[in-house]
Amino acid sequence: MTHATAFTPAEIGGLARRIDRPVVLVGLMGVGKSTVGRRLAALLDTDFIDVDEEIERAADRSVSEIFEAHGELYFRAGERRVIARLVEEGHGVIATGGGARRDSRPLLRKGDPRAILTQLKDQRGDAYAEAQVHVVTDDAPHTETALSILSAIDAWL
């Protein structure tokens, strides 16, 4: 199984049975974690949880509203607690923050989005590097990215 698109349904099923913990997608906002996560969960025949959606549901307010009312540090502390709970609950695929709607991304409201994303990438690069599996998304179709993640997990296992 060296090429991402070479998976048969039986191979994906076998890989899904070997995965013994949630697959948690991390990366900068806007890279497609939620969309790719949904495709990955469908391939693995498991559930999908978007952390921002879970936070909004639990708090009964939007991410932007939480940022405005309490600030980023408060939000990040809550986000860490939600992620830990979701991992503990054993969900299949979890997409971490970033927001599904462009107007709900409070960090991008502070100036030039390209400059902000570059700064965030520099600031968070070491944390992202701690992930056991790395996939460069480029501009590949979401299903191809999901298959690349499966291939990387297969190689890691």
Protein backbone atom coordinates (compact mmCIF):
# COMPACT_ATOMS: atom_id res chain seq x y z
CA MET A 1 0.00 0.00 0.00
CA THR A 2 2.54 2.57 -1.02
CA HIS A 3 0.36 4.84 -3.14
CA ALA A 4 -2.49 6.62 -1.33
CA THR A 5 -5.10 5.78 -3.96
CA ALA A 6 -4.18 2.08 -4.05
CA PHE A 7 -6.33 1.19 -1.01
CA THR A 8 -9.10 -1.32 -1.53
CA PRO A 9 -12.15 -1.22 0.76
CA ALA A 10 -10.85 -4.35 2.49
CA GLU A 11 -7.46 -2.72 3.10
CA ILE A 12 -9.12 0.39 4.53
CA GLY A 13 -11.23 -1.84 6.80
CA GLY A 14 -8.13 -3.67 7.98
CA LEU A 15 -6.34 -0.39 8.65
CA ALA A 16 -9.37 0.96 10.52
CA ARG A 17 -9.27 -2.09 12.82
CA ARG A 18 -5.57 -1.45 13.55
CA ILE A 19 -6.14 2.16 14.61
CA ASP A 20 -6.53 1.98 18.38
CA ARG A 21 -7.05 5.68 19.17
CA PRO A 22 -8.72 8.72 17.67
CA VAL A 23 -7.13 10.32 14.63
CA VAL A 24 -6.69 13.97 15.60
CA LEU A 25 -6.09 16.40 12.75
CA VAL A 26 -4.02 19.49 13.57
CA GLY A 27 -2.81 22.35 11.42
CA LEU A 28 -3.43 25.96 10.56
CA MET A 29 -6.93 27.26 10.06
CA GLY A 30 -8.15 26.94 6.52
CA VAL A 31 -6.08 23.90 5.51
CA GLY A 32 -9.18 21.71 5.33
CA LYS A 33 -9.09 19.74 8.58
CA SER A 34 -12.89 19.61 8.89
CA THR A 35 -13.59 18.70 5.27
CA VAL A 36 -10.77 16.18 5.08
CA GLY A 37 -11.72 14.84 8.51
CA ARG A 38 -15.27 14.13 7.36
CA ARG A 39 -13.93 12.26 4.30
CA LEU A 40 -11.41 10.35 6.43
CA ALA A 41 -14.11 9.35 8.93
CA ALA A 42 -16.33 8.15 6.07
CA LEU A 43 -13.48 6.05 4.66
CA LEU A 44 -12.81 4.54 8.08
CA ASP A 45 -16.54 4.09 8.77
CA THR A 46 -16.26 5.97 12.06
CA ASP A 47 -17.60 9.17 13.57
CA PHE A 48 -16.25 12.67 13.04
CA ILE A 49 -16.12 15.52 15.54
CA ASP A 50 -15.19 19.13 14.74
CA VAL A 51 -13.77 20.70 17.92
CA ASP A 52 -15.04 24.21 17.09
CA GLU A 53 -18.55 22.88 16.53
CA GLU A 54 -18.37 20.93 19.79
CA ILE A 55 -17.19 24.02 21.68
CA GLU A 56 -19.97 26.12 20.17
CA ARG A 57 -22.56 23.49 21.04
CA ALA A 58 -21.31 23.11 24.62
CA ALA A 59 -21.01 26.87 25.22
CA ASP A 60 -24.17 27.75 23.28
CA ARG A 61 -22.24 30.57 21.59
CA SER A 62 -19.94 30.98 18.63
CA VAL A 63 -16.15 30.84 18.75
CA SER A 64 -16.12 34.54 17.87
CA GLU A 65 -18.43 35.33 20.78
CA ILE A 66 -16.21 33.36 23.17
CA PHE A 67 -13.12 35.23 21.90
CA GLU A 68 -14.88 38.60 22.29
CA ALA A 69 -16.20 37.87 25.78
CA HIS A 70 -13.22 36.08 27.30
CA GLY A 71 -10.18 36.34 25.00
CA GLU A 72 -7.96 33.83 23.27
CA LEU A 73 -6.27 32.39 26.39
CA TYR A 74 -9.64 31.48 27.92
CA PHE A 75 -10.77 29.94 24.62
CA ARG A 76 -7.56 27.90 24.22
CA ALA A 77 -7.85 26.52 27.76
CA GLY A 78 -11.41 25.39 27.04
CA GLU A 79 -10.36 24.02 23.67
CA ARG A 80 -7.67 21.85 25.32
CA ARG A 81 -10.26 20.48 27.78
CA VAL A 82 -12.71 19.67 24.98
CA ILE A 83 -10.02 17.94 22.90
CA ALA A 84 -8.91 15.87 25.91
CA ARG A 85 -12.53 14.85 26.57
CA LEU A 86 -13.13 13.91 22.93
CA VAL A 87 -9.95 11.81 22.82
CA GLU A 88 -10.91 10.12 26.09
CA GLU A 89 -14.37 9.35 24.67
CA GLY A 90 -12.64 7.56 21.78
CA HIS A 91 -14.15 9.32 18.80
CA GLY A 92 -12.85 8.18 15.41
CA VAL A 93 -11.64 11.37 13.72
CA ILE A 94 -11.31 14.73 15.48
CA ALA A 95 -10.55 18.00 13.66
CA THR A 96 -9.05 20.61 15.94
CA GLY A 97 -9.90 24.34 15.80
CA GLY A 98 -9.72 26.80 12.98
CA GLY A 99 -13.40 27.46 12.38
CA ALA A 100 -15.60 26.31 9.52
CA ARG A 101 -16.68 29.86 8.50
CA ARG A 102 -14.24 32.56 7.46
CA ASP A 103 -16.13 35.26 9.37
CA SER A 104 -15.85 33.19 12.53
CA ARG A 105 -12.04 33.26 12.61
CA PRO A 106 -11.30 35.93 15.21
CA LEU A 107 -7.53 35.73 14.78
CA LEU A 108 -7.78 36.84 11.15
CA ARG A 109 -9.70 39.98 12.05
CA LYS A 110 -6.59 41.61 13.53
CA GLY A 111 -4.90 42.52 10.25
CA ASP A 112 -3.55 41.06 7.02
CA PRO A 113 -4.69 37.39 6.91
CA ARG A 114 -1.62 36.21 4.95
CA ALA A 115 0.77 37.83 7.44
CA ILE A 116 -1.21 36.49 10.39
CA LEU A 117 -1.22 32.94 8.99
CA THR A 118 2.53 33.13 8.33
CA GLN A 119 3.12 34.28 11.90
CA LEU A 120 0.85 31.54 13.30
CA LYS A 121 2.66 28.92 11.23
CA ASP A 122 5.99 30.09 12.65
CA GLN A 123 4.64 30.20 16.21
CA ARG A 124 2.93 26.81 16.06
CA GLY A 125 5.35 24.91 13.85
CA ASP A 126 7.09 23.16 16.76
CA ALA A 127 3.76 22.06 18.23
CA TYR A 128 2.56 20.73 14.87
CA ALA A 129 5.88 18.89 14.48
CA GLU A 130 5.02 16.81 17.58
CA ALA A 131 2.31 14.94 15.65
CA GLN A 132 3.20 11.30 14.99
CA VAL A 133 2.06 11.47 11.37
CA HIS A 134 2.59 14.36 8.94
CA VAL A 135 0.84 14.98 5.64
CA VAL A 136 1.35 18.01 3.42
CA THR A 137 -2.05 18.92 2.04
CA ASP A 138 -0.99 21.23 -0.81
CA ASP A 139 -4.03 21.84 -3.03
CA ALA A 140 -4.89 18.17 -3.48
CA PRO A 141 -8.56 17.15 -3.58
CA HIS A 142 -9.89 16.42 -0.09
CA THR A 143 -10.43 12.72 -0.75
CA GLU A 144 -6.84 12.39 -1.99
CA THR A 145 -5.62 14.11 1.18
CA ALA A 146 -7.71 11.71 3.29
CA LEU A 147 -6.15 8.78 1.44
CA SER A 148 -2.68 10.28 2.00
CA ILE A 149 -3.45 10.41 5.72
CA LEU A 150 -4.47 6.74 5.61
CA SER A 151 -1.24 5.89 3.83
CA ALA A 152 0.82 7.81 6.42
CA ILE A 153 -1.04 6.13 9.31
CA ASP A 154 -0.49 2.74 7.68
CA ALA A 155 3.25 3.42 7.43
CA TRP A 156 3.35 4.67 11.04
CA LEU A 157 1.51 1.66 12.45
